[in-house]
Structures are given as C-alpha cells and as structure tokens.
C-alpha cells in the first residue's frame, strides 16, 4: 500500500471513529450508514480537501452529505 492510500485509510478510519463518538453509534452502525449513502467514496474522492478540515467541520459535512443523499434516494 503506498503512502497516499495509507493516509486515506487512516482518514477514513478517523472519520468513522469521530462520527461514531459524535452520534453515539457503534462502528458497525456507522459503516452501514456510510455504505448506504456512499460516504466512504465521497470522503476518499475528496480526501485532498477534506483531510485538512477540522473535526467539527468534517462531521457537519458528513451530515450534510448524508441528508442530501437521503433526499436523492427518497
């Protein structure tokens, strides 16, 4: 695994853990939500910009992304 892929993997793990703590969910619940709304793909695709943001900003951005996807899938 090259350095960038490893950095992205750590970032995705960080996002899962932070979201889990903020929303008081289990890791499996977060992974299920992230898979359902394709959050992991979004985070990975926009890694270069997103990994420079604060924890709070990331959580708000993930929530906004999920809400947009919910409307799209409704």
PDB file of N, CA and C in Angstrom:
ATOM      1  N   UNK A   1       0.863  -1.176   0.000  1.00  0.00           N
ATOM      2  CA  UNK A   1       0.000   0.000   0.000  1.00  0.00           C
ATOM      3  C   UNK A   1       0.907   1.235   0.000  1.00  0.00           C
ATOM      4  N   UNK A   2       0.671   2.144  -0.947  1.00  0.00           N
ATOM      5  CA  UNK A   2       1.513   3.333  -0.995  1.00  0.00           C
ATOM      6  C   UNK A   2       1.089   4.335   0.085  1.00  0.00           C
ATOM      7  N   UNK A   3       1.910   5.346   0.301  1.00  0.00           N
ATOM      8  CA  UNK A   3       1.688   6.317   1.387  1.00  0.00           C
ATOM      9  C   UNK A   3       0.342   7.012   1.265  1.00  0.00           C
ATOM     10  N   UNK A   4      -0.039   7.447   0.073  1.00  0.00           N
ATOM     11  CA  UNK A   4      -1.309   8.151  -0.087  1.00  0.00           C
ATOM     12  C   UNK A   4      -2.485   7.242   0.265  1.00  0.00           C
ATOM     13  N   UNK A   5      -2.456   5.995  -0.198  1.00  0.00           N
ATOM     14  CA  UNK A   5      -3.533   5.067   0.128  1.00  0.00           C
ATOM     15  C   UNK A   5      -3.603   4.802   1.631  1.00  0.00           C
ATOM     16  N   UNK A   6      -2.454   4.731   2.268  1.00  0.00           N
ATOM     17  CA  UNK A   6      -2.409   4.536   3.710  1.00  0.00           C
ATOM     18  C   UNK A   6      -2.969   5.766   4.427  1.00  0.00           C
ATOM     19  N   UNK A   7      -2.610   6.948   3.963  1.00  0.00           N
ATOM     20  CA  UNK A   7      -3.147   8.186   4.545  1.00  0.00           C
ATOM     21  C   UNK A   7      -4.665   8.242   4.406  1.00  0.00           C
ATOM     22  N   UNK A   8      -5.179   7.853   3.258  1.00  0.00           N
ATOM     23  CA  UNK A   8      -6.629   7.839   3.036  1.00  0.00           C
ATOM     24  C   UNK A   8      -7.296   6.829   3.964  1.00  0.00           C
ATOM     25  N   UNK A   9      -6.697   5.662   4.124  1.00  0.00           N
ATOM     26  CA  UNK A   9      -7.254   4.646   5.022  1.00  0.00           C
ATOM     27  C   UNK A   9      -7.316   5.166   6.460  1.00  0.00           C
ATOM     28  N   UNK A  10      -6.257   5.831   6.912  1.00  0.00           N
ATOM     29  CA  UNK A  10      -6.267   6.418   8.254  1.00  0.00           C
ATOM     30  C   UNK A  10      -7.345   7.496   8.368  1.00  0.00           C
ATOM     31  N   UNK A  11      -7.488   8.294   7.337  1.00  0.00           N
ATOM     32  CA  UNK A  11      -8.501   9.354   7.335  1.00  0.00           C
ATOM     33  C   UNK A  11      -9.911   8.770   7.420  1.00  0.00           C
ATOM     34  N   UNK A  12     -10.178   7.732   6.641  1.00  0.00           N
ATOM     35  CA  UNK A  12     -11.497   7.094   6.675  1.00  0.00           C
ATOM     36  C   UNK A  12     -11.761   6.508   8.060  1.00  0.00           C
ATOM     37  N   UNK A  13     -10.762   5.890   8.640  1.00  0.00           N
ATOM     38  CA  UNK A  13     -10.889   5.335   9.984  1.00  0.00           C
ATOM     39  C   UNK A  13     -11.168   6.443  11.003  1.00  0.00           C
ATOM     40  N   UNK A  14     -10.455   7.544  10.877  1.00  0.00           N
ATOM     41  CA  UNK A  14     -10.665   8.701  11.750  1.00  0.00           C
ATOM     42  C   UNK A  14     -12.109   9.199  11.633  1.00  0.00           C
ATOM     43  N   UNK A  15     -12.607   9.329  10.415  1.00  0.00           N
ATOM     44  CA  UNK A  15     -13.971   9.819  10.198  1.00  0.00           C
ATOM     45  C   UNK A  15     -15.004   8.877  10.807  1.00  0.00           C
ATOM     46  N   UNK A  16     -14.800   7.590  10.647  1.00  0.00           N
ATOM     47  CA  UNK A  16     -15.722   6.609  11.231  1.00  0.00           C
ATOM     48  C   UNK A  16     -15.724   6.737  12.748  1.00  0.00           C
ATOM     49  N   UNK A  17     -14.557   6.793  13.350  1.00  0.00           N
ATOM     50  CA  UNK A  17     -14.461   6.885  14.811  1.00  0.00           C
ATOM     51  C   UNK A  17     -15.069   8.180  15.336  1.00  0.00           C
ATOM     52  N   UNK A  18     -14.802   9.284  14.659  1.00  0.00           N
ATOM     53  CA  UNK A  18     -15.339  10.567  15.107  1.00  0.00           C
ATOM     54  C   UNK A  18     -16.857  10.614  14.963  1.00  0.00           C
ATOM     55  N   UNK A  19     -17.363  10.084  13.882  1.00  0.00           N
ATOM     56  CA  UNK A  19     -18.810  10.058  13.653  1.00  0.00           C
ATOM     57  C   UNK A  19     -19.473   9.137  14.677  1.00  0.00           C
ATOM     58  N   UNK A  20     -18.854   8.013  14.943  1.00  0.00           N
ATOM     59  CA  UNK A  20     -19.362   7.051  15.923  1.00  0.00           C
ATOM     60  C   UNK A  20     -19.494   7.714  17.296  1.00  0.00           C
ATOM     61  N   UNK A  21     -18.470   8.408  17.712  1.00  0.00           N
ATOM     62  CA  UNK A  21     -18.472   9.067  19.015  1.00  0.00           C
ATOM     63  C   UNK A  21     -19.493  10.194  19.058  1.00  0.00           C
ATOM     64  N   UNK A  22     -19.520  11.018  18.028  1.00  0.00           N
ATOM     65  CA  UNK A  22     -20.427  12.169  17.998  1.00  0.00           C
ATOM     66  C   UNK A  22     -21.896  11.747  17.996  1.00  0.00           C
ATOM     67  N   UNK A  23     -22.201  10.657  17.305  1.00  0.00           N
ATOM     68  CA  UNK A  23     -23.597  10.218  17.155  1.00  0.00           C
ATOM     69  C   UNK A  23     -23.980   9.102  18.123  1.00  0.00           C
ATOM     70  N   UNK A  24     -23.012   8.695  18.961  1.00  0.00           N
ATOM     71  CA  UNK A  24     -23.230   7.608  19.924  1.00  0.00           C
ATOM     72  C   UNK A  24     -23.748   6.343  19.231  1.00  0.00           C
ATOM     73  N   UNK A  25     -23.040   5.938  18.189  1.00  0.00           N
ATOM     74  CA  UNK A  25     -23.371   4.746  17.417  1.00  0.00           C
ATOM     75  C   UNK A  25     -22.247   3.731  17.561  1.00  0.00           C
ATOM     76  N   UNK A  26     -22.512   2.513  17.120  1.00  0.00           N
ATOM     77  CA  UNK A  26     -21.447   1.515  17.053  1.00  0.00           C
ATOM     78  C   UNK A  26     -20.688   1.700  15.740  1.00  0.00           C
ATOM     79  N   UNK A  27     -19.524   1.113  15.680  1.00  0.00           N
ATOM     80  CA  UNK A  27     -18.761   1.165  14.439  1.00  0.00           C
ATOM     81  C   UNK A  27     -19.533   0.539  13.290  1.00  0.00           C
ATOM     82  N   UNK A  28     -20.206  -0.580  13.553  1.00  0.00           N
ATOM     83  CA  UNK A  28     -20.988  -1.245  12.511  1.00  0.00           C
ATOM     84  C   UNK A  28     -22.120  -0.350  12.027  1.00  0.00           C
ATOM     85  N   UNK A  29     -22.788   0.342  12.932  1.00  0.00           N
ATOM     86  CA  UNK A  29     -23.868   1.241  12.530  1.00  0.00           C
ATOM     87  C   UNK A  29     -23.343   2.346  11.610  1.00  0.00           C
ATOM     88  N   UNK A  30     -22.199   2.896  11.964  1.00  0.00           N
ATOM     89  CA  UNK A  30     -21.611   3.957  11.131  1.00  0.00           C
ATOM     90  C   UNK A  30     -21.223   3.407   9.769  1.00  0.00           C
ATOM     91  N   UNK A  31     -20.584   2.264   9.742  1.00  0.00           N
ATOM     92  CA  UNK A  31     -20.184   1.663   8.463  1.00  0.00           C
ATOM     93  C   UNK A  31     -21.420   1.392   7.611  1.00  0.00           C
ATOM     94  N   UNK A  32     -22.479   0.885   8.222  1.00  0.00           N
ATOM     95  CA  UNK A  32     -23.718   0.633   7.482  1.00  0.00           C
ATOM     96  C   UNK A  32     -24.282   1.924   6.886  1.00  0.00           C
ATOM     97  N   UNK A  33     -24.307   2.988   7.664  1.00  0.00           N
ATOM     98  CA  UNK A  33     -24.793   4.288   7.175  1.00  0.00           C
ATOM     99  C   UNK A  33     -23.889   4.797   6.060  1.00  0.00           C
ATOM    100  N   UNK A  34     -22.588   4.733   6.283  1.00  0.00           N
ATOM    101  CA  UNK A  34     -21.636   5.221   5.291  1.00  0.00           C
ATOM    102  C   UNK A  34     -21.746   4.429   3.989  1.00  0.00           C
ATOM    103  N   UNK A  35     -21.965   3.121   4.084  1.00  0.00           N
ATOM    104  CA  UNK A  35     -22.123   2.314   2.870  1.00  0.00           C
ATOM    105  C   UNK A  35     -23.431   2.654   2.162  1.00  0.00           C
ATOM    106  N   UNK A  36     -24.505   2.779   2.925  1.00  0.00           N
ATOM    107  CA  UNK A  36     -25.815   3.060   2.336  1.00  0.00           C
ATOM    108  C   UNK A  36     -25.807   4.360   1.539  1.00  0.00           C
ATOM    109  N   UNK A  37     -25.153   5.374   2.064  1.00  0.00           N
ATOM    110  CA  UNK A  37     -25.160   6.689   1.421  1.00  0.00           C
ATOM    111  C   UNK A  37     -23.859   7.016   0.689  1.00  0.00           C
ATOM    112  N   UNK A  38     -22.992   6.018   0.549  1.00  0.00           N
ATOM    113  CA  UNK A  38     -21.740   6.149  -0.216  1.00  0.00           C
ATOM    114  C   UNK A  38     -20.825   7.244   0.328  1.00  0.00           C
ATOM    115  N   UNK A  39     -20.802   7.355   1.646  1.00  0.00           N
ATOM    116  CA  UNK A  39     -19.975   8.368   2.304  1.00  0.00           C
ATOM    117  C   UNK A  39     -18.494   8.061   2.135  1.00  0.00           C
ATOM    118  N   UNK A  40     -18.121   6.797   2.217  1.00  0.00           N
ATOM    119  CA  UNK A  40     -16.706   6.438   2.102  1.00  0.00           C
ATOM    120  C   UNK A  40     -16.143   6.867   0.750  1.00  0.00           C
ATOM    121  N   UNK A  41     -16.919   6.644  -0.303  1.00  0.00           N
ATOM    122  CA  UNK A  41     -16.473   7.044  -1.633  1.00  0.00           C
ATOM    123  C   UNK A  41     -16.304   8.560  -1.706  1.00  0.00           C
ATOM    124  N   UNK A  42     -17.251   9.281  -1.105  1.00  0.00           N
ATOM    125  CA  UNK A  42     -17.174  10.743  -1.074  1.00  0.00           C
ATOM    126  C   UNK A  42     -15.917  11.197  -0.332  1.00  0.00           C
ATOM    127  N   UNK A  43     -15.680  10.630   0.847  1.00  0.00           N
ATOM    128  CA  UNK A  43     -14.516  11.021   1.650  1.00  0.00           C
ATOM    129  C   UNK A  43     -13.215  10.706   0.925  1.00  0.00           C
ATOM    130  N   UNK A  44     -13.169   9.538   0.292  1.00  0.00           N
ATOM    131  CA  UNK A  44     -11.962   9.156  -0.426  1.00  0.00           C
ATOM    132  C   UNK A  44     -11.738  10.039  -1.654  1.00  0.00           C
ATOM    133  N   UNK A  45     -12.797  10.294  -2.397  1.00  0.00           N
ATOM    134  CA  UNK A  45     -12.691  11.094  -3.621  1.00  0.00           C
ATOM    135  C   UNK A  45     -12.251  12.534  -3.321  1.00  0.00           C
ATOM    136  N   UNK A  46     -12.692  13.064  -2.184  1.00  0.00           N
ATOM    137  CA  UNK A  46     -12.386  14.456  -1.824  1.00  0.00           C
ATOM    138  C   UNK A  46     -11.352  14.551  -0.694  1.00  0.00           C
ATOM    139  N   UNK A  47     -10.579  13.505  -0.529  1.00  0.00           N
ATOM    140  CA  UNK A  47      -9.585  13.433   0.544  1.00  0.00           C
ATOM    141  C   UNK A  47      -8.681  14.657   0.595  1.00  0.00           C
ATOM    142  N   UNK A  48      -8.176  15.074  -0.547  1.00  0.00           N
ATOM    143  CA  UNK A  48      -7.195  16.171  -0.573  1.00  0.00           C
ATOM    144  C   UNK A  48      -7.702  17.428   0.123  1.00  0.00           C
ATOM    145  N   UNK A  49      -8.971  17.730  -0.026  1.00  0.00           N
ATOM    146  CA  UNK A  49      -9.552  18.911   0.615  1.00  0.00           C
ATOM    147  C   UNK A  49     -10.026  18.582   2.028  1.00  0.00           C
ATOM    148  N   UNK A  50     -10.719  17.470   2.170  1.00  0.00           N
ATOM    149  CA  UNK A  50     -11.373  17.155   3.443  1.00  0.00           C
ATOM    150  C   UNK A  50     -10.405  16.883   4.589  1.00  0.00           C
ATOM    151  N   UNK A  51      -9.275  16.254   4.314  1.00  0.00           N
ATOM    152  CA  UNK A  51      -8.386  15.893   5.418  1.00  0.00           C
ATOM    153  C   UNK A  51      -7.740  17.103   6.082  1.00  0.00           C
ATOM    154  N   UNK A  52      -7.882  18.271   5.478  1.00  0.00           N
ATOM    155  CA  UNK A  52      -7.305  19.486   6.064  1.00  0.00           C
ATOM    156  C   UNK A  52      -8.300  20.223   6.959  1.00  0.00           C
ATOM    157  N   UNK A  53      -9.527  19.736   7.028  1.00  0.00           N
ATOM    158  CA  UNK A  53     -10.581  20.427   7.774  1.00  0.00           C
ATOM    159  C   UNK A  53     -10.629  19.958   9.230  1.00  0.00           C
ATOM    160  N   UNK A  54     -11.314  20.737  10.055  1.00  0.00           N
ATOM    161  CA  UNK A  54     -11.437  20.391  11.473  1.00  0.00           C
ATOM    162  C   UNK A  54     -12.407  19.231  11.662  1.00  0.00           C
ATOM    163  N   UNK A  55     -12.325  18.620  12.812  1.00  0.00           N
ATOM    164  CA  UNK A  55     -13.212  17.515  13.172  1.00  0.00           C
ATOM    165  C   UNK A  55     -14.664  17.949  13.076  1.00  0.00           C
ATOM    166  N   UNK A  56     -14.984  19.085  13.670  1.00  0.00           N
ATOM    167  CA  UNK A  56     -16.366  19.574  13.673  1.00  0.00           C
ATOM    168  C   UNK A  56     -16.852  19.852  12.248  1.00  0.00           C
ATOM    169  N   UNK A  57     -16.025  20.451  11.440  1.00  0.00           N
ATOM    170  CA  UNK A  57     -16.400  20.742  10.056  1.00  0.00           C
ATOM    171  C   UNK A  57     -16.668  19.442   9.306  1.00  0.00           C
ATOM    172  N   UNK A  58     -15.802  18.442   9.505  1.00  0.00           N
ATOM    173  CA  UNK A  58     -15.990  17.149   8.841  1.00  0.00           C
ATOM    174  C   UNK A  58     -17.314  16.502   9.237  1.00  0.00           C
ATOM    175  N   UNK A  59     -17.630  16.516  10.523  1.00  0.00           N
ATOM    176  CA  UNK A  59     -18.882  15.917  10.991  1.00  0.00           C
ATOM    177  C   UNK A  59     -20.084  16.621  10.374  1.00  0.00           C
ATOM    178  N   UNK A  60     -20.036  17.934  10.319  1.00  0.00           N
ATOM    179  CA  UNK A  60     -21.134  18.684   9.703  1.00  0.00           C
ATOM    180  C   UNK A  60     -21.227  18.391   8.210  1.00  0.00           C
ATOM    181  N   UNK A  61     -20.087  18.278   7.554  1.00  0.00           N
ATOM    182  CA  UNK A  61     -20.070  17.988   6.121  1.00  0.00           C
ATOM    183  C   UNK A  61     -20.620  16.587   5.846  1.00  0.00           C
ATOM    184  N   UNK A  62     -20.248  15.624   6.669  1.00  0.00           N
ATOM    185  CA  UNK A  62     -20.763  14.257   6.504  1.00  0.00           C
ATOM    186  C   UNK A  62     -22.274  14.250   6.699  1.00  0.00           C
ATOM    187  N   UNK A  63     -22.757  14.944   7.736  1.00  0.00           N
ATOM    188  CA  UNK A  63     -24.206  15.021   7.963  1.00  0.00           C
ATOM    189  C   UNK A  63     -24.928  15.650   6.770  1.00  0.00           C
ATOM    190  N   UNK A  64     -24.366  16.718   6.258  1.00  0.00           N
ATOM    191  CA  UNK A  64     -24.972  17.385   5.100  1.00  0.00           C
ATOM    192  C   UNK A  64     -24.990  16.449   3.891  1.00  0.00           C
ATOM    193  N   UNK A  65     -23.888  15.752   3.668  1.00  0.00           N
ATOM    194  CA  UNK A  65     -23.811  14.816   2.550  1.00  0.00           C
ATOM    195  C   UNK A  65     -24.862  13.713   2.691  1.00  0.00           C
ATOM    196  N   UNK A  66     -24.994  13.157   3.897  1.00  0.00           N
ATOM    197  CA  UNK A  66     -25.981  12.102   4.137  1.00  0.00           C
ATOM    198  C   UNK A  66     -27.390  12.632   3.904  1.00  0.00           C
ATOM    199  N   UNK A  67     -27.685  13.820   4.392  1.00  0.00           N
ATOM    200  CA  UNK A  67     -29.024  14.392   4.201  1.00  0.00           C
ATOM    201  C   UNK A  67     -29.344  14.616   2.725  1.00  0.00           C
ATOM    202  N   UNK A  68     -28.385  15.056   1.954  1.00  0.00           N
ATOM    203  CA  UNK A  68     -28.575  15.226   0.511  1.00  0.00           C
ATOM    204  C   UNK A  68     -28.845  13.874  -0.134  1.00  0.00           C
ATOM    205  N   UNK A  69     -28.073  12.853   0.272  1.00  0.00           N
ATOM    206  CA  UNK A  69     -28.266  11.522  -0.299  1.00  0.00           C
ATOM    207  C   UNK A  69     -29.622  10.933   0.096  1.00  0.00           C
ATOM    208  N   UNK A  70     -30.063  11.203   1.322  1.00  0.00           N
ATOM    209  CA  UNK A  70     -31.388  10.719   1.753  1.00  0.00           C
ATOM    210  C   UNK A  70     -32.478  11.281   0.854  1.00  0.00           C
ATOM    211  N   UNK A  71     -32.381  12.581   0.553  1.00  0.00           N
ATOM    212  CA  UNK A  71     -33.369  13.214  -0.314  1.00  0.00           C
ATOM    213  C   UNK A  71     -33.325  12.605  -1.720  1.00  0.00           C
ATOM    214  N   UNK A  72     -32.128  12.322  -2.182  1.00  0.00           N
ATOM    215  CA  UNK A  72     -31.957  11.746  -3.513  1.00  0.00           C
ATOM    216  C   UNK A  72     -32.535  10.342  -3.590  1.00  0.00           C
ATOM    217  N   UNK A  73     -32.362   9.549  -2.522  1.00  0.00           N
ATOM    218  CA  UNK A  73     -32.836   8.170  -2.503  1.00  0.00           C
ATOM    219  C   UNK A  73     -34.294   8.057  -2.107  1.00  0.00           C
ATOM    220  N   UNK A  74     -34.904   9.152  -1.637  1.00  0.00           N
ATOM    221  CA  UNK A  74     -36.308   9.099  -1.166  1.00  0.00           C
ATOM    222  C   UNK A  74     -37.286   8.985  -2.313  1.00  0.00           C
TER     223      UNK A  74
END
